[in-house]
C-alpha atoms as a PDB file:
ATOM      1  CA  UNK A   1     134.114  38.332 109.240  1.00  0.00           C
ATOM      2  CA  UNK A   2     134.674  34.571 109.151  1.00  0.00           C
ATOM      3  CA  UNK A   3     137.800  34.889 111.277  1.00  0.00           C
ATOM      4  CA  UNK A   4     135.965  36.992 113.883  1.00  0.00           C
ATOM      5  CA  UNK A   5     133.031  34.555 113.971  1.00  0.00           C
ATOM      6  CA  UNK A   6     135.304  31.493 114.291  1.00  0.00           C
ATOM      7  CA  UNK A   7     137.334  33.074 117.080  1.00  0.00           C
ATOM      8  CA  UNK A   8     134.168  34.032 118.959  1.00  0.00           C
ATOM      9  CA  UNK A   9     132.688  30.518 118.571  1.00  0.00           C
ATOM     10  CA  UNK A  10     135.911  29.031 119.947  1.00  0.00           C
ATOM     11  CA  UNK A  11     135.847  31.318 122.974  1.00  0.00           C
ATOM     12  CA  UNK A  12     132.185  30.478 123.644  1.00  0.00           C
ATOM     13  CA  UNK A  13     132.933  26.769 123.379  1.00  0.00           C
ATOM     14  CA  UNK A  14     135.746  27.095 125.899  1.00  0.00           C
ATOM     15  CA  UNK A  15     133.534  29.168 128.194  1.00  0.00           C
ATOM     16  CA  UNK A  16     130.816  26.481 128.054  1.00  0.00           C
ATOM     17  CA  UNK A  17     133.345  24.018 129.522  1.00  0.00           C
ATOM     18  CA  UNK A  18     133.683  26.185 132.631  1.00  0.00           C
ATOM     19  CA  UNK A  19     130.126  27.429 133.113  1.00  0.00           C
ATOM     20  CA  UNK A  20     127.712  24.744 134.238  1.00  0.00           C
ATOM     21  CA  UNK A  21     124.069  25.090 133.282  1.00  0.00           C
ATOM     22  CA  UNK A  22     121.580  24.893 136.149  1.00  0.00           C
ATOM     23  CA  UNK A  23     119.495  21.749 136.094  1.00  0.00           C
ATOM     24  CA  UNK A  24     115.830  21.313 136.863  1.00  0.00           C
ATOM     25  CA  UNK A  25     115.277  20.235 140.458  1.00  0.00           C
ATOM     26  CA  UNK A  26     111.482  19.918 140.451  1.00  0.00           C
ATOM     27  CA  UNK A  27     111.647  16.394 139.008  1.00  0.00           C
ATOM     28  CA  UNK A  28     108.820  16.954 136.544  1.00  0.00           C
ATOM     29  CA  UNK A  29     110.533  19.731 134.589  1.00  0.00           C
ATOM     30  CA  UNK A  30     107.544  21.990 134.888  1.00  0.00           C
ATOM     31  CA  UNK A  31     109.792  24.923 135.629  1.00  0.00           C
ATOM     32  CA  UNK A  32     111.442  24.832 132.162  1.00  0.00           C
ATOM     33  CA  UNK A  33     114.558  26.373 133.660  1.00  0.00           C
ATOM     34  CA  UNK A  34     116.885  24.665 131.187  1.00  0.00           C
ATOM     35  CA  UNK A  35     114.977  26.035 128.209  1.00  0.00           C
ATOM     36  CA  UNK A  36     114.947  29.543 129.644  1.00  0.00           C
ATOM     37  CA  UNK A  37     118.655  29.490 130.551  1.00  0.00           C
ATOM     38  CA  UNK A  38     119.679  28.171 127.117  1.00  0.00           C
ATOM     39  CA  UNK A  39     117.557  30.831 125.421  1.00  0.00           C
ATOM     40  CA  UNK A  40     119.063  33.526 127.646  1.00  0.00           C
ATOM     41  CA  UNK A  41     122.637  32.384 126.926  1.00  0.00           C
ATOM     42  CA  UNK A  42     121.984  32.202 123.168  1.00  0.00           C
ATOM     43  CA  UNK A  43     120.592  35.729 123.200  1.00  0.00           C
ATOM     44  CA  UNK A  44     123.641  36.904 125.148  1.00  0.00           C
ATOM     45  CA  UNK A  45     125.966  35.312 122.578  1.00  0.00           C
ATOM     46  CA  UNK A  46     123.986  36.939 119.782  1.00  0.00           C
ATOM     47  CA  UNK A  47     124.332  40.360 121.406  1.00  0.00           C
ATOM     48  CA  UNK A  48     128.060  39.815 121.994  1.00  0.00           C
ATOM     49  CA  UNK A  49     128.522  38.897 118.332  1.00  0.00           C
ATOM     50  CA  UNK A  50     126.539  41.891 117.080  1.00  0.00           C
ATOM     51  CA  UNK A  51     128.282  44.355 119.390  1.00  0.00           C
ATOM     52  CA  UNK A  52     131.696  43.052 118.281  1.00  0.00           C
ATOM     53  CA  UNK A  53     131.042  44.073 114.674  1.00  0.00           C
ATOM     54  CA  UNK A  54     132.668  47.122 113.131  1.00  0.00           C
ATOM     55  CA  UNK A  55     130.273  50.096 113.500  1.00  0.00           C
ATOM     56  CA  UNK A  56     131.344  51.692 110.227  1.00  0.00           C
ATOM     57  CA  UNK A  57     130.435  48.673 108.108  1.00  0.00           C
ATOM     58  CA  UNK A  58     127.701  46.880 110.017  1.00  0.00           C
ATOM     59  CA  UNK A  59     125.698  49.338 112.122  1.00  0.00           C
ATOM     60  CA  UNK A  60     122.703  49.250 109.767  1.00  0.00           C
ATOM     61  CA  UNK A  61     122.426  45.464 109.573  1.00  0.00           C
ATOM     62  CA  UNK A  62     123.026  45.175 113.327  1.00  0.00           C
ATOM     63  CA  UNK A  63     120.113  47.539 114.015  1.00  0.00           C
ATOM     64  CA  UNK A  64     117.906  45.596 111.606  1.00  0.00           C
ATOM     65  CA  UNK A  65     118.727  42.287 113.306  1.00  0.00           C
ATOM     66  CA  UNK A  66     118.089  43.701 116.778  1.00  0.00           C
ATOM     67  CA  UNK A  67     114.574  44.765 115.745  1.00  0.00           C
ATOM     68  CA  UNK A  68     113.626  41.212 114.717  1.00  0.00           C
ATOM     69  CA  UNK A  69     111.324  39.358 117.069  1.00  0.00           C
ATOM     70  CA  UNK A  70     112.162  36.665 117.927  1.00  0.00           C
ATOM     71  CA  UNK A  71     115.890  37.156 117.553  1.00  0.00           C
ATOM     72  CA  UNK A  72     117.241  34.782 114.859  1.00  0.00           C
ATOM     73  CA  UNK A  73     119.848  32.144 115.643  1.00  0.00           C
ATOM     74  CA  UNK A  74     123.513  33.107 115.554  1.00  0.00           C
ATOM     75  CA  UNK A  75     123.972  31.080 112.345  1.00  0.00           C
ATOM     76  CA  UNK A  76     121.201  33.001 110.558  1.00  0.00           C
ATOM     77  CA  UNK A  77     122.657  36.296 111.758  1.00  0.00           C
ATOM     78  CA  UNK A  78     126.139  35.263 110.607  1.00  0.00           C
ATOM     79  CA  UNK A  79     124.733  34.551 107.128  1.00  0.00           C
ATOM     80  CA  UNK A  80     122.984  37.934 107.061  1.00  0.00           C
ATOM     81  CA  UNK A  81     126.188  39.723 108.087  1.00  0.00           C
ATOM     82  CA  UNK A  82     128.228  37.805 105.502  1.00  0.00           C
ATOM     83  CA  UNK A  83     125.755  38.808 102.781  1.00  0.00           C
ATOM     84  CA  UNK A  84     126.014  42.429 103.894  1.00  0.00           C
ATOM     85  CA  UNK A  85     129.816  42.224 103.822  1.00  0.00           C
ATOM     86  CA  UNK A  86     129.752  40.756 100.295  1.00  0.00           C
ATOM     87  CA  UNK A  87     127.342  43.482  99.187  1.00  0.00           C
ATOM     88  CA  UNK A  88     129.579  46.199 100.646  1.00  0.00           C
ATOM     89  CA  UNK A  89     132.615  44.736  98.858  1.00  0.00           C
ATOM     90  CA  UNK A  90     130.746  44.693  95.544  1.00  0.00           C
ATOM     91  CA  UNK A  91     129.661  48.292  95.983  1.00  0.00           C
ATOM     92  CA  UNK A  92     133.233  49.376  96.761  1.00  0.00           C
ATOM     93  CA  UNK A  93     134.503  47.589  93.653  1.00  0.00           C
ATOM     94  CA  UNK A  94     131.788  49.255  91.559  1.00  0.00           C
ATOM     95  CA  UNK A  95     132.701  52.670  92.944  1.00  0.00           C
ATOM     96  CA  UNK A  96     136.369  52.110  92.111  1.00  0.00           C
ATOM     97  CA  UNK A  97     135.455  51.157  88.531  1.00  0.00           C
ATOM     98  CA  UNK A  98     133.258  54.261  88.272  1.00  0.00           C
ATOM     99  CA  UNK A  99     136.193  56.440  89.320  1.00  0.00           C
ATOM    100  CA  UNK A 100     138.317  54.962  86.517  1.00  0.00           C
ATOM    101  CA  UNK A 101     135.559  55.523  83.955  1.00  0.00           C
ATOM    102  CA  UNK A 102     135.115  59.146  85.056  1.00  0.00           C
ATOM    103  CA  UNK A 103     138.863  59.732  84.840  1.00  0.00           C
ATOM    104  CA  UNK A 104     138.925  58.227  81.351  1.00  0.00           C
ATOM    105  CA  UNK A 105     135.944  60.346  80.265  1.00  0.00           C
ATOM    106  CA  UNK A 106     137.521  63.548  81.536  1.00  0.00           C
ATOM    107  CA  UNK A 107     140.753  62.740  79.740  1.00  0.00           C
ATOM    108  CA  UNK A 108     138.909  62.178  76.450  1.00  0.00           C
ATOM    109  CA  UNK A 109     137.219  65.605  76.350  1.00  0.00           C
ATOM    110  CA  UNK A 110     137.242  67.278  72.880  1.00  0.00           C
ATOM    111  CA  UNK A 111     138.855  70.465  74.200  1.00  0.00           C
ATOM    112  CA  UNK A 112     141.939  68.475  75.196  1.00  0.00           C
ATOM    113  CA  UNK A 113     142.703  67.423  71.612  1.00  0.00           C
ATOM    114  CA  UNK A 114     145.983  68.767  70.287  1.00  0.00           C
ATOM    115  CA  UNK A 115     146.007  71.697  67.906  1.00  0.00           C
ATOM    116  CA  UNK A 116     148.380  72.198  65.003  1.00  0.00           C
ATOM    117  CA  UNK A 117     150.747  75.138  65.322  1.00  0.00           C
ATOM    118  CA  UNK A 118     151.029  75.384  61.525  1.00  0.00           C
ATOM    119  CA  UNK A 119     147.376  75.480  60.382  1.00  0.00           C
ATOM    120  CA  UNK A 120     145.625  75.996  63.764  1.00  0.00           C
ATOM    121  CA  UNK A 121     143.213  73.049  63.337  1.00  0.00           C
ATOM    122  CA  UNK A 122     142.412  70.788  66.293  1.00  0.00           C
ATOM    123  CA  UNK A 123     142.895  67.024  66.172  1.00  0.00           C
ATOM    124  CA  UNK A 124     146.478  66.803  64.957  1.00  0.00           C
ATOM    125  CA  UNK A 125     149.899  68.207  65.665  1.00  0.00           C
ATOM    126  CA  UNK A 126     152.312  69.937  63.303  1.00  0.00           C
ATOM    127  CA  UNK A 127     154.218  66.688  62.657  1.00  0.00           C
ATOM    128  CA  UNK A 128     151.065  65.147  61.136  1.00  0.00           C
ATOM    129  CA  UNK A 129     149.688  68.253  59.374  1.00  0.00           C
ATOM    130  CA  UNK A 130     148.610  67.460  55.771  1.00  0.00           C
ATOM    131  CA  UNK A 131     149.691  70.933  54.647  1.00  0.00           C
ATOM    132  CA  UNK A 132     153.256  70.017  55.662  1.00  0.00           C
ATOM    133  CA  UNK A 133     153.465  66.231  55.040  1.00  0.00           C
ATOM    134  CA  UNK A 134     151.092  66.232  52.044  1.00  0.00           C
ATOM    135  CA  UNK A 135     147.586  64.960  51.574  1.00  0.00           C
ATOM    136  CA  UNK A 136     146.974  61.222  51.042  1.00  0.00           C
ATOM    137  CA  UNK A 137     146.420  60.114  47.436  1.00  0.00           C
ATOM    138  CA  UNK A 138     142.824  59.671  46.267  1.00  0.00           C
END
């Protein structure tokens, strides 16, 4: 995520060097053209950033951000996306640990305990059968 964001910021910075912002020509700045153009360009950058995200991992957070009014700054959105990415990573790690616990639990089922061929009891094998090796002293 950080690499994608940094690369995008670099490309936008380079693009800003080539694209000149229109300036107010009314002399009194009653037209507020600069404010409107800056707002429009920031919204465009925000949409470019959101649409560049991986659909599989970030479609939910992207939809949530797009419903916000007014649209937050790109820095706020980046922080939200980073939090979502961290949350997803934690959930994946938890799921992996759960798989190991389930595998361990299945392996430790009572019906999988060895049974003695000599006496037929479960829980030990013939090599450790008390009837063969003798009972421990009292």
